[in-house]
PDB file of N, CA and C in Angstrom:
ATOM      1  N   UNK A   1       0.874  -1.266   0.055  1.00  0.00           N
ATOM      2  CA  UNK A   1      -0.072   0.238   0.051  1.00  0.00           C
ATOM      3  C   UNK A   1       0.868   1.279   0.058  1.00  0.00           C
ATOM      4  N   UNK A   2       0.486   2.220  -0.821  1.00  0.00           N
ATOM      5  CA  UNK A   2       1.244   3.276  -1.148  1.00  0.00           C
ATOM      6  C   UNK A   2       0.751   4.467  -0.466  1.00  0.00           C
ATOM      7  N   UNK A   3       1.243   5.231   0.292  1.00  0.00           N
ATOM      8  CA  UNK A   3       0.434   6.352   0.968  1.00  0.00           C
ATOM      9  C   UNK A   3       1.012   7.614   0.105  1.00  0.00           C
ATOM     10  N   UNK A   4       0.243   8.443  -0.746  1.00  0.00           N
ATOM     11  CA  UNK A   4       0.884   9.619  -1.322  1.00  0.00           C
ATOM     12  C   UNK A   4       0.358  11.018  -0.763  1.00  0.00           C
ATOM     13  N   UNK A   5       1.137  11.934  -0.254  1.00  0.00           N
ATOM     14  CA  UNK A   5       0.346  13.162   0.320  1.00  0.00           C
ATOM     15  C   UNK A   5       0.634  14.230  -0.971  1.00  0.00           C
ATOM     16  N   UNK A   6      -0.403  14.704  -1.702  1.00  0.00           N
ATOM     17  CA  UNK A   6      -0.194  15.626  -2.558  1.00  0.00           C
ATOM     18  C   UNK A   6      -1.080  16.744  -2.107  1.00  0.00           C
ATOM     19  N   UNK A   7      -0.429  17.987  -1.934  1.00  0.00           N
ATOM     20  CA  UNK A   7      -0.464  19.462  -1.386  1.00  0.00           C
ATOM     21  C   UNK A   7       0.092  20.556  -2.044  1.00  0.00           C
ATOM     22  N   UNK A   8      -0.647  21.698  -1.792  1.00  0.00           N
ATOM     23  CA  UNK A   8      -0.256  22.769  -2.222  1.00  0.00           C
ATOM     24  C   UNK A   8       0.923  23.402  -1.662  1.00  0.00           C
ATOM     25  N   UNK A   9       0.624  23.447  -0.322  1.00  0.00           N
ATOM     26  CA  UNK A   9       1.476  24.204   0.757  1.00  0.00           C
ATOM     27  C   UNK A   9       2.312  23.011   1.238  1.00  0.00           C
ATOM     28  N   UNK A  10       3.407  23.302   1.813  1.00  0.00           N
ATOM     29  CA  UNK A  10       3.970  22.365   2.479  1.00  0.00           C
ATOM     30  C   UNK A  10       3.501  21.983   3.933  1.00  0.00           C
ATOM     31  N   UNK A  11       3.621  20.679   4.239  1.00  0.00           N
ATOM     32  CA  UNK A  11       3.201  20.212   5.539  1.00  0.00           C
ATOM     33  C   UNK A  11       4.432  20.013   6.375  1.00  0.00           C
ATOM     34  N   UNK A  12       4.371  19.959   7.618  1.00  0.00           N
ATOM     35  CA  UNK A  12       5.526  19.821   8.885  1.00  0.00           C
ATOM     36  C   UNK A  12       5.732  18.104   8.481  1.00  0.00           C
ATOM     37  N   UNK A  13       6.788  17.876   8.906  1.00  0.00           N
ATOM     38  CA  UNK A  13       7.378  16.251   8.838  1.00  0.00           C
ATOM     39  C   UNK A  13       6.504  15.633   9.818  1.00  0.00           C
ATOM     40  N   UNK A  14       6.215  16.271  10.809  1.00  0.00           N
ATOM     41  CA  UNK A  14       5.239  15.472  11.993  1.00  0.00           C
ATOM     42  C   UNK A  14       4.012  15.271  11.507  1.00  0.00           C
ATOM     43  N   UNK A  15       3.351  16.046  10.912  1.00  0.00           N
ATOM     44  CA  UNK A  15       2.106  15.704  10.174  1.00  0.00           C
ATOM     45  C   UNK A  15       1.962  14.723   8.926  1.00  0.00           C
ATOM     46  N   UNK A  16       3.091  14.677   8.459  1.00  0.00           N
ATOM     47  CA  UNK A  16       3.167  13.757   7.095  1.00  0.00           C
ATOM     48  C   UNK A  16       3.248  12.373   7.975  1.00  0.00           C
ATOM     49  N   UNK A  17       4.390  12.136   8.744  1.00  0.00           N
ATOM     50  CA  UNK A  17       4.043  10.985   9.565  1.00  0.00           C
ATOM     51  C   UNK A  17       2.845  10.554   9.925  1.00  0.00           C
ATOM     52  N   UNK A  18       2.316  11.347  10.909  1.00  0.00           N
ATOM     53  CA  UNK A  18       1.066  11.235  11.497  1.00  0.00           C
ATOM     54  C   UNK A  18      -0.109  10.933  10.427  1.00  0.00           C
ATOM     55  N   UNK A  19      -0.089  11.497   9.330  1.00  0.00           N
ATOM     56  CA  UNK A  19      -1.051  11.056   8.204  1.00  0.00           C
ATOM     57  C   UNK A  19      -0.687   9.797   7.914  1.00  0.00           C
ATOM     58  N   UNK A  20       0.628   9.639   7.283  1.00  0.00           N
ATOM     59  CA  UNK A  20       0.747   8.134   7.016  1.00  0.00           C
ATOM     60  C   UNK A  20       0.303   7.272   7.769  1.00  0.00           C
ATOM     61  N   UNK A  21       0.974   7.134   9.538  1.00  0.00           N
ATOM     62  CA  UNK A  21       0.643   6.438  10.440  1.00  0.00           C
ATOM     63  C   UNK A  21      -1.068   6.144  10.560  1.00  0.00           C
ATOM     64  N   UNK A  22      -1.699   7.141  10.536  1.00  0.00           N
ATOM     65  CA  UNK A  22      -3.109   6.946  10.693  1.00  0.00           C
ATOM     66  C   UNK A  22      -4.041   6.345   9.705  1.00  0.00           C
ATOM     67  N   UNK A  23      -3.390   6.497   8.284  1.00  0.00           N
ATOM     68  CA  UNK A  23      -4.391   5.741   7.208  1.00  0.00           C
ATOM     69  C   UNK A  23      -3.953   4.136   7.192  1.00  0.00           C
ATOM     70  N   UNK A  24      -2.572   4.173   7.324  1.00  0.00           N
ATOM     71  CA  UNK A  24      -2.394   2.868   7.744  1.00  0.00           C
ATOM     72  C   UNK A  24      -2.865   2.178   8.822  1.00  0.00           C
ATOM     73  N   UNK A  25      -3.263   2.642   9.905  1.00  0.00           N
ATOM     74  CA  UNK A  25      -3.684   2.030  11.058  1.00  0.00           C
ATOM     75  C   UNK A  25      -5.239   2.064  10.913  1.00  0.00           C
ATOM     76  N   UNK A  26      -5.743   3.211  10.323  1.00  0.00           N
ATOM     77  CA  UNK A  26      -7.370   2.966  10.132  1.00  0.00           C
ATOM     78  C   UNK A  26      -7.762   1.894   9.058  1.00  0.00           C
ATOM     79  N   UNK A  27      -7.026   1.618   8.080  1.00  0.00           N
ATOM     80  CA  UNK A  27      -7.354   0.580   7.135  1.00  0.00           C
ATOM     81  C   UNK A  27      -6.461  -0.660   7.051  1.00  0.00           C
ATOM     82  N   UNK A  28      -5.926  -1.061   8.387  1.00  0.00           N
ATOM     83  CA  UNK A  28      -5.131  -2.092   8.691  1.00  0.00           C
ATOM     84  C   UNK A  28      -6.263  -3.354   8.277  1.00  0.00           C
ATOM     85  N   UNK A  29      -7.361  -3.309   8.617  1.00  0.00           N
ATOM     86  CA  UNK A  29      -8.077  -4.926   8.295  1.00  0.00           C
ATOM     87  C   UNK A  29      -8.235  -4.629   6.746  1.00  0.00           C
ATOM     88  N   UNK A  30      -8.264  -3.844   5.730  1.00  0.00           N
ATOM     89  CA  UNK A  30      -8.582  -4.195   4.727  1.00  0.00           C
ATOM     90  C   UNK A  30      -7.379  -3.712   3.817  1.00  0.00           C
ATOM     91  N   UNK A  31      -6.142  -3.791   4.638  1.00  0.00           N
ATOM     92  CA  UNK A  31      -4.963  -3.308   3.750  1.00  0.00           C
ATOM     93  C   UNK A  31      -4.476  -4.114   2.454  1.00  0.00           C
ATOM     94  N   UNK A  32      -4.844  -5.227   2.526  1.00  0.00           N
ATOM     95  CA  UNK A  32      -4.587  -6.255   1.246  1.00  0.00           C
ATOM     96  C   UNK A  32      -5.545  -5.883   0.014  1.00  0.00           C
ATOM     97  N   UNK A  33      -6.825  -5.263   0.444  1.00  0.00           N
ATOM     98  CA  UNK A  33      -7.473  -4.975  -0.846  1.00  0.00           C
ATOM     99  C   UNK A  33      -6.892  -3.598  -1.103  1.00  0.00           C
ATOM    100  N   UNK A  34      -6.134  -2.692  -0.683  1.00  0.00           N
ATOM    101  CA  UNK A  34      -5.721  -1.204  -1.281  1.00  0.00           C
ATOM    102  C   UNK A  34      -4.678  -1.232  -1.792  1.00  0.00           C
ATOM    103  N   UNK A  35      -4.399  -0.814  -2.839  1.00  0.00           N
ATOM    104  CA  UNK A  35      -3.130  -0.704  -3.585  1.00  0.00           C
ATOM    105  C   UNK A  35      -2.432   0.853  -3.389  1.00  0.00           C
ATOM    106  N   UNK A  36      -3.376   1.726  -3.706  1.00  0.00           N
ATOM    107  CA  UNK A  36      -2.616   3.294  -3.692  1.00  0.00           C
ATOM    108  C   UNK A  36      -3.507   4.475  -2.788  1.00  0.00           C
ATOM    109  N   UNK A  37      -3.358   4.975  -1.908  1.00  0.00           N
ATOM    110  CA  UNK A  37      -4.075   5.994  -1.138  1.00  0.00           C
ATOM    111  C   UNK A  37      -3.121   7.383  -1.606  1.00  0.00           C
ATOM    112  N   UNK A  38      -4.155   8.264  -2.010  1.00  0.00           N
ATOM    113  CA  UNK A  38      -3.587   9.753  -2.200  1.00  0.00           C
ATOM    114  C   UNK A  38      -4.237  10.312  -1.520  1.00  0.00           C
ATOM    115  N   UNK A  39      -3.517  11.439  -0.422  1.00  0.00           N
ATOM    116  CA  UNK A  39      -4.352  12.557   0.605  1.00  0.00           C
ATOM    117  C   UNK A  39      -3.837  13.618  -0.202  1.00  0.00           C
ATOM    118  N   UNK A  40      -4.747  14.663  -0.109  1.00  0.00           N
ATOM    119  CA  UNK A  40      -4.445  16.085  -0.527  1.00  0.00           C
ATOM    120  C   UNK A  40      -5.288  16.829   0.402  1.00  0.00           C
ATOM    121  N   UNK A  41      -4.552  17.706   1.082  1.00  0.00           N
ATOM    122  CA  UNK A  41      -4.935  18.969   1.994  1.00  0.00           C
ATOM    123  C   UNK A  41      -4.928  20.345   1.195  1.00  0.00           C
ATOM    124  N   UNK A  42      -5.973  20.919   1.068  1.00  0.00           N
ATOM    125  CA  UNK A  42      -6.145  22.233   0.718  1.00  0.00           C
ATOM    126  C   UNK A  42      -6.921  23.447   1.508  1.00  0.00           C
ATOM    127  N   UNK A  43      -6.850  24.510   1.609  1.00  0.00           N
ATOM    128  CA  UNK A  43      -7.596  25.517   2.109  1.00  0.00           C
ATOM    129  C   UNK A  43      -8.323  26.182   1.221  1.00  0.00           C
ATOM    130  N   UNK A  44      -9.613  26.361   1.946  1.00  0.00           N
ATOM    131  CA  UNK A  44     -10.632  26.983   1.470  1.00  0.00           C
ATOM    132  C   UNK A  44     -11.008  28.338   1.635  1.00  0.00           C
ATOM    133  N   UNK A  45     -10.642  29.142   0.799  1.00  0.00           N
ATOM    134  CA  UNK A  45     -10.425  30.799   0.834  1.00  0.00           C
ATOM    135  C   UNK A  45     -11.421  31.276   1.114  1.00  0.00           C
ATOM    136  N   UNK A  46     -12.684  30.961   0.859  1.00  0.00           N
ATOM    137  CA  UNK A  46     -14.106  31.862   0.823  1.00  0.00           C
ATOM    138  C   UNK A  46     -14.885  31.084   1.611  1.00  0.00           C
ATOM    139  N   UNK A  47     -14.595  30.468   2.702  1.00  0.00           N
ATOM    140  CA  UNK A  47     -15.383  30.025   3.664  1.00  0.00           C
ATOM    141  C   UNK A  47     -16.139  30.797   4.772  1.00  0.00           C
ATOM    142  N   UNK A  48     -17.329  30.679   4.906  1.00  0.00           N
ATOM    143  CA  UNK A  48     -18.297  31.760   5.329  1.00  0.00           C
ATOM    144  C   UNK A  48     -18.394  31.250   6.900  1.00  0.00           C
ATOM    145  N   UNK A  49     -18.027  30.404   7.208  1.00  0.00           N
ATOM    146  CA  UNK A  49     -18.106  29.609   8.533  1.00  0.00           C
ATOM    147  C   UNK A  49     -16.478  29.159   8.834  1.00  0.00           C
ATOM    148  N   UNK A  50     -16.291  28.656  10.060  1.00  0.00           N
ATOM    149  CA  UNK A  50     -15.094  28.436  10.558  1.00  0.00           C
ATOM    150  C   UNK A  50     -14.594  27.206   9.862  1.00  0.00           C
ATOM    151  N   UNK A  51     -15.172  26.458   9.047  1.00  0.00           N
ATOM    152  CA  UNK A  51     -14.943  24.999   8.479  1.00  0.00           C
ATOM    153  C   UNK A  51     -14.027  25.507   7.251  1.00  0.00           C
ATOM    154  N   UNK A  52     -12.479  25.560   7.317  1.00  0.00           N
ATOM    155  CA  UNK A  52     -11.964  25.920   6.106  1.00  0.00           C
ATOM    156  C   UNK A  52     -10.905  24.938   5.412  1.00  0.00           C
ATOM    157  N   UNK A  53     -10.583  23.719   6.108  1.00  0.00           N
ATOM    158  CA  UNK A  53      -9.718  23.062   6.065  1.00  0.00           C
ATOM    159  C   UNK A  53     -10.280  21.886   5.208  1.00  0.00           C
ATOM    160  N   UNK A  54      -9.925  21.358   3.540  1.00  0.00           N
ATOM    161  CA  UNK A  54     -10.371  20.721   2.863  1.00  0.00           C
ATOM    162  C   UNK A  54      -9.186  19.442   2.543  1.00  0.00           C
ATOM    163  N   UNK A  55      -9.974  18.266   2.940  1.00  0.00           N
ATOM    164  CA  UNK A  55      -9.103  16.798   2.765  1.00  0.00           C
ATOM    165  C   UNK A  55     -10.143  16.226   1.627  1.00  0.00           C
ATOM    166  N   UNK A  56      -9.082  15.685   0.748  1.00  0.00           N
ATOM    167  CA  UNK A  56      -9.609  14.872  -0.554  1.00  0.00           C
ATOM    168  C   UNK A  56      -8.573  13.538  -0.546  1.00  0.00           C
ATOM    169  N   UNK A  57      -9.348  12.350  -0.353  1.00  0.00           N
ATOM    170  CA  UNK A  57      -8.654  11.225  -0.171  1.00  0.00           C
ATOM    171  C   UNK A  57      -9.227  10.093  -1.649  1.00  0.00           C
ATOM    172  N   UNK A  58      -8.232   9.940  -1.970  1.00  0.00           N
ATOM    173  CA  UNK A  58      -8.339   9.069  -3.367  1.00  0.00           C
ATOM    174  C   UNK A  58      -7.673   7.682  -3.094  1.00  0.00           C
ATOM    175  N   UNK A  59      -8.747   6.221  -3.243  1.00  0.00           N
ATOM    176  CA  UNK A  59      -8.157   5.427  -2.892  1.00  0.00           C
ATOM    177  C   UNK A  59      -8.323   4.436  -4.176  1.00  0.00           C
ATOM    178  N   UNK A  60      -7.156   3.834  -4.672  1.00  0.00           N
ATOM    179  CA  UNK A  60      -7.362   2.449  -5.597  1.00  0.00           C
ATOM    180  C   UNK A  60      -7.283   1.409  -5.104  1.00  0.00           C
ATOM    181  N   UNK A  61      -8.282   0.160  -5.267  1.00  0.00           N
ATOM    182  CA  UNK A  61      -8.196  -0.845  -4.780  1.00  0.00           C
ATOM    183  C   UNK A  61      -7.609  -1.634  -5.737  1.00  0.00           C
ATOM    184  N   UNK A  62      -7.551  -3.201  -5.352  1.00  0.00           N
ATOM    185  CA  UNK A  62      -6.729  -4.226  -6.340  1.00  0.00           C
ATOM    186  C   UNK A  62      -7.401  -4.313  -7.680  1.00  0.00           C
ATOM    187  N   UNK A  63      -8.797  -4.276  -7.630  1.00  0.00           N
ATOM    188  CA  UNK A  63      -9.692  -4.713  -8.747  1.00  0.00           C
ATOM    189  C   UNK A  63      -9.762  -3.291  -9.446  1.00  0.00           C
ATOM    190  N   UNK A  64      -9.285  -2.438  -9.200  1.00  0.00           N
ATOM    191  CA  UNK A  64      -9.166  -1.256 -10.051  1.00  0.00           C
ATOM    192  C   UNK A  64     -10.268  -0.195  -9.842  1.00  0.00           C
ATOM    193  N   UNK A  65     -10.632  -0.367  -8.852  1.00  0.00           N
ATOM    194  CA  UNK A  65     -11.828   0.630  -8.543  1.00  0.00           C
ATOM    195  C   UNK A  65     -11.158   1.921  -7.927  1.00  0.00           C
ATOM    196  N   UNK A  66     -11.738   3.170  -8.285  1.00  0.00           N
ATOM    197  CA  UNK A  66     -11.430   4.288  -7.624  1.00  0.00           C
ATOM    198  C   UNK A  66     -12.272   4.810  -6.591  1.00  0.00           C
ATOM    199  N   UNK A  67     -12.146   5.114  -5.476  1.00  0.00           N
ATOM    200  CA  UNK A  67     -12.807   5.421  -4.266  1.00  0.00           C
ATOM    201  C   UNK A  67     -12.618   7.131  -3.872  1.00  0.00           C
ATOM    202  N   UNK A  68     -13.434   8.000  -4.178  1.00  0.00           N
ATOM    203  CA  UNK A  68     -12.757   9.356  -3.797  1.00  0.00           C
ATOM    204  C   UNK A  68     -13.521   9.851  -2.769  1.00  0.00           C
ATOM    205  N   UNK A  69     -13.048  10.612  -1.701  1.00  0.00           N
ATOM    206  CA  UNK A  69     -13.945  10.948  -0.582  1.00  0.00           C
ATOM    207  C   UNK A  69     -13.384  12.386  -0.286  1.00  0.00           C
ATOM    208  N   UNK A  70     -14.319  13.609  -0.094  1.00  0.00           N
ATOM    209  CA  UNK A  70     -13.941  15.051   0.143  1.00  0.00           C
ATOM    210  C   UNK A  70     -14.631  15.259   1.439  1.00  0.00           C
ATOM    211  N   UNK A  71     -13.728  15.986   2.434  1.00  0.00           N
ATOM    212  CA  UNK A  71     -14.094  16.129   3.535  1.00  0.00           C
ATOM    213  C   UNK A  71     -13.710  17.883   3.799  1.00  0.00           C
ATOM    214  N   UNK A  72     -14.626  18.616   4.422  1.00  0.00           N
ATOM    215  CA  UNK A  72     -13.936  19.775   4.931  1.00  0.00           C
ATOM    216  C   UNK A  72     -14.651  20.009   6.466  1.00  0.00           C
ATOM    217  N   UNK A  73     -13.409  20.507   7.445  1.00  0.00           N
ATOM    218  CA  UNK A  73     -13.594  20.440   8.758  1.00  0.00           C
ATOM    219  C   UNK A  73     -12.715  21.834   9.046  1.00  0.00           C
ATOM    220  N   UNK A  74     -12.909  22.088  10.252  1.00  0.00           N
ATOM    221  CA  UNK A  74     -12.062  23.004  11.077  1.00  0.00           C
ATOM    222  C   UNK A  74     -10.625  22.900  11.431  1.00  0.00           C
ATOM    223  N   UNK A  75     -10.287  21.686  11.231  1.00  0.00           N
ATOM    224  CA  UNK A  75      -8.789  21.577  11.304  1.00  0.00           C
ATOM    225  C   UNK A  75      -8.217  20.045  10.170  1.00  0.00           C
ATOM    226  N   UNK A  76      -7.283  20.217   9.974  1.00  0.00           N
ATOM    227  CA  UNK A  76      -6.550  18.963   8.810  1.00  0.00           C
ATOM    228  C   UNK A  76      -6.798  17.467   9.671  1.00  0.00           C
ATOM    229  N   UNK A  77      -6.288  17.646  11.177  1.00  0.00           N
ATOM    230  CA  UNK A  77      -6.651  16.171  11.608  1.00  0.00           C
ATOM    231  C   UNK A  77      -8.065  15.669  11.771  1.00  0.00           C
ATOM    232  N   UNK A  78      -9.241  16.742  11.973  1.00  0.00           N
ATOM    233  CA  UNK A  78     -10.460  16.172  12.081  1.00  0.00           C
ATOM    234  C   UNK A  78     -10.920  15.872  10.699  1.00  0.00           C
ATOM    235  N   UNK A  79     -10.459  16.662   9.621  1.00  0.00           N
ATOM    236  CA  UNK A  79     -10.784  16.495   8.380  1.00  0.00           C
ATOM    237  C   UNK A  79     -10.162  14.937   7.929  1.00  0.00           C
ATOM    238  N   UNK A  80      -9.073  14.824   8.173  1.00  0.00           N
ATOM    239  CA  UNK A  80      -8.556  13.311   7.963  1.00  0.00           C
ATOM    240  C   UNK A  80      -9.433  12.107   8.772  1.00  0.00           C
ATOM    241  N   UNK A  81      -9.761  12.519   9.902  1.00  0.00           N
ATOM    242  CA  UNK A  81     -10.321  11.490  10.767  1.00  0.00           C
ATOM    243  C   UNK A  81     -11.747  11.035   9.784  1.00  0.00           C
ATOM    244  N   UNK A  82     -12.550  12.190   9.598  1.00  0.00           N
ATOM    245  CA  UNK A  82     -13.762  11.937   8.969  1.00  0.00           C
ATOM    246  C   UNK A  82     -13.736  11.623   7.690  1.00  0.00           C
ATOM    247  N   UNK A  83     -12.773  11.923   7.072  1.00  0.00           N
ATOM    248  CA  UNK A  83     -12.506  11.406   5.748  1.00  0.00           C
ATOM    249  C   UNK A  83     -12.033   9.811   5.510  1.00  0.00           C
ATOM    250  N   UNK A  84     -11.261   9.546   6.460  1.00  0.00           N
ATOM    251  CA  UNK A  84     -11.117   8.018   6.877  1.00  0.00           C
ATOM    252  C   UNK A  84     -12.127   7.064   7.381  1.00  0.00           C
ATOM    253  N   UNK A  85     -12.659   7.533   8.019  1.00  0.00           N
ATOM    254  CA  UNK A  85     -14.130   6.966   8.660  1.00  0.00           C
ATOM    255  C   UNK A  85     -15.039   6.596   7.362  1.00  0.00           C
ATOM    256  N   UNK A  86     -15.178   7.914   6.370  1.00  0.00           N
ATOM    257  CA  UNK A  86     -16.126   7.595   5.037  1.00  0.00           C
ATOM    258  C   UNK A  86     -15.436   6.650   4.156  1.00  0.00           C
ATOM    259  N   UNK A  87     -13.902   6.525   4.016  1.00  0.00           N
ATOM    260  CA  UNK A  87     -13.381   5.597   2.954  1.00  0.00           C
ATOM    261  C   UNK A  87     -13.444   4.253   3.331  1.00  0.00           C
ATOM    262  N   UNK A  88     -13.309   4.004   4.861  1.00  0.00           N
ATOM    263  CA  UNK A  88     -13.090   2.534   5.384  1.00  0.00           C
ATOM    264  C   UNK A  88     -14.827   2.023   5.002  1.00  0.00           C
ATOM    265  N   UNK A  89     -16.058   2.702   5.434  1.00  0.00           N
ATOM    266  CA  UNK A  89     -17.054   2.341   4.926  1.00  0.00           C
ATOM    267  C   UNK A  89     -17.500   2.091   3.414  1.00  0.00           C
ATOM    268  N   UNK A  90     -16.926   2.839   2.512  1.00  0.00           N
ATOM    269  CA  UNK A  90     -16.983   2.543   1.241  1.00  0.00           C
ATOM    270  C   UNK A  90     -16.163   1.450   0.931  1.00  0.00           C
ATOM    271  N   UNK A  91     -14.932   1.272   1.396  1.00  0.00           N
ATOM    272  CA  UNK A  91     -14.378   0.048   0.814  1.00  0.00           C
ATOM    273  C   UNK A  91     -14.755  -1.125   1.353  1.00  0.00           C
ATOM    274  N   UNK A  92     -15.403  -1.093   2.693  1.00  0.00           N
ATOM    275  CA  UNK A  92     -16.096  -2.154   3.031  1.00  0.00           C
ATOM    276  C   UNK A  92     -17.212  -2.756   2.416  1.00  0.00           C
ATOM    277  N   UNK A  93     -17.964  -1.715   1.854  1.00  0.00           N
ATOM    278  CA  UNK A  93     -19.079  -1.863   0.988  1.00  0.00           C
ATOM    279  C   UNK A  93     -18.952  -2.465  -0.333  1.00  0.00           C
ATOM    280  N   UNK A  94     -17.852  -1.946  -1.111  1.00  0.00           N
ATOM    281  CA  UNK A  94     -17.277  -2.641  -2.105  1.00  0.00           C
ATOM    282  C   UNK A  94     -16.626  -3.820  -2.070  1.00  0.00           C
ATOM    283  N   UNK A  95     -16.133  -4.132  -0.780  1.00  0.00           N
ATOM    284  CA  UNK A  95     -15.635  -5.662  -0.618  1.00  0.00           C
ATOM    285  C   UNK A  95     -17.009  -6.624  -0.536  1.00  0.00           C
ATOM    286  N   UNK A  96     -18.153  -6.142   0.230  1.00  0.00           N
ATOM    287  CA  UNK A  96     -19.167  -6.964   0.402  1.00  0.00           C
ATOM    288  C   UNK A  96     -19.952  -7.470  -0.750  1.00  0.00           C
ATOM    289  N   UNK A  97     -20.119  -6.094  -1.365  1.00  0.00           N
ATOM    290  CA  UNK A  97     -20.734  -6.348  -2.887  1.00  0.00           C
ATOM    291  C   UNK A  97     -20.078  -7.201  -3.551  1.00  0.00           C
ATOM    292  N   UNK A  98     -18.623  -7.350  -3.583  1.00  0.00           N
ATOM    293  CA  UNK A  98     -18.069  -8.106  -4.605  1.00  0.00           C
ATOM    294  C   UNK A  98     -18.051  -9.537  -3.947  1.00  0.00           C
ATOM    295  N   UNK A  99     -18.037  -9.477  -2.683  1.00  0.00           N
ATOM    296  CA  UNK A  99     -18.148 -11.067  -1.935  1.00  0.00           C
ATOM    297  C   UNK A  99     -19.541 -11.703  -2.332  1.00  0.00           C
ATOM    298  N   UNK A 100     -20.321 -10.851  -2.340  1.00  0.00           N
ATOM    299  CA  UNK A 100     -21.866 -11.353  -2.310  1.00  0.00           C
ATOM    300  C   UNK A 100     -22.153 -11.924  -4.011  1.00  0.00           C
ATOM    301  N   UNK A 101     -21.419 -10.958  -5.071  1.00  0.00           N
ATOM    302  CA  UNK A 101     -21.904 -11.430  -6.194  1.00  0.00           C
ATOM    303  C   UNK A 101     -20.469 -12.328  -7.057  1.00  0.00           C
ATOM    304  N   UNK A 102     -19.961 -12.358  -6.077  1.00  0.00           N
ATOM    305  CA  UNK A 102     -18.762 -13.363  -6.728  1.00  0.00           C
ATOM    306  C   UNK A 102     -17.915 -12.673  -7.492  1.00  0.00           C
ATOM    307  N   UNK A 103     -17.492 -11.381  -7.650  1.00  0.00           N
ATOM    308  CA  UNK A 103     -16.914 -10.590  -8.671  1.00  0.00           C
ATOM    309  C   UNK A 103     -15.377 -10.150  -7.951  1.00  0.00           C
ATOM    310  N   UNK A 104     -14.892 -10.811  -7.106  1.00  0.00           N
ATOM    311  CA  UNK A 104     -13.538 -10.307  -6.754  1.00  0.00           C
ATOM    312  C   UNK A 104     -12.677 -10.382  -7.392  1.00  0.00           C
ATOM    313  N   UNK A 105     -11.477  -9.566  -7.722  1.00  0.00           N
ATOM    314  CA  UNK A 105     -10.768  -9.949  -8.815  1.00  0.00           C
ATOM    315  C   UNK A 105      -9.940 -10.904  -8.225  1.00  0.00           C
ATOM    316  N   UNK A 106      -9.280 -11.786  -9.233  1.00  0.00           N
ATOM    317  CA  UNK A 106      -8.411 -12.911  -8.857  1.00  0.00           C
ATOM    318  C   UNK A 106      -6.991 -12.090  -8.488  1.00  0.00           C
ATOM    319  N   UNK A 107      -6.820 -10.838  -8.582  1.00  0.00           N
ATOM    320  CA  UNK A 107      -5.403 -10.215  -8.380  1.00  0.00           C
ATOM    321  C   UNK A 107      -5.200  -9.695  -6.855  1.00  0.00           C
ATOM    322  N   UNK A 108      -6.602  -9.791  -6.172  1.00  0.00           N
ATOM    323  CA  UNK A 108      -6.585  -9.386  -4.590  1.00  0.00           C
ATOM    324  C   UNK A 108      -5.688 -10.319  -4.004  1.00  0.00           C
ATOM    325  N   UNK A 109      -5.743 -11.680  -4.100  1.00  0.00           N
ATOM    326  CA  UNK A 109      -5.300 -12.675  -3.422  1.00  0.00           C
ATOM    327  C   UNK A 109      -3.702 -13.095  -3.955  1.00  0.00           C
ATOM    328  N   UNK A 110      -3.386 -12.269  -4.891  1.00  0.00           N
ATOM    329  CA  UNK A 110      -1.890 -12.716  -5.540  1.00  0.00           C
ATOM    330  C   UNK A 110      -0.819 -11.896  -4.706  1.00  0.00           C
TER     331      UNK A 110
END
């Protein structure tokens, strides 16, 4: 599983390691199903309320499905947490659907 951090402004090194560790920890049960994860943080400039940190998570599974989640929150950590929770639910749903219909790719177990 590759974790790629893609952002416009530079992140602190401790936040980069926190993000990588948090992604790996939250998806540790389904890590065998995930090929690549891309996390992108940005700042919403014209936010009318206090929620101005935007987190976008793109996930590619081994059967070449692309799952994208976008969250806006007060700070980066909260946006990351909510986004990972949503991603986990989507991956779990895709896995259950593929098991139900028997369409899980043969490359997952390789």
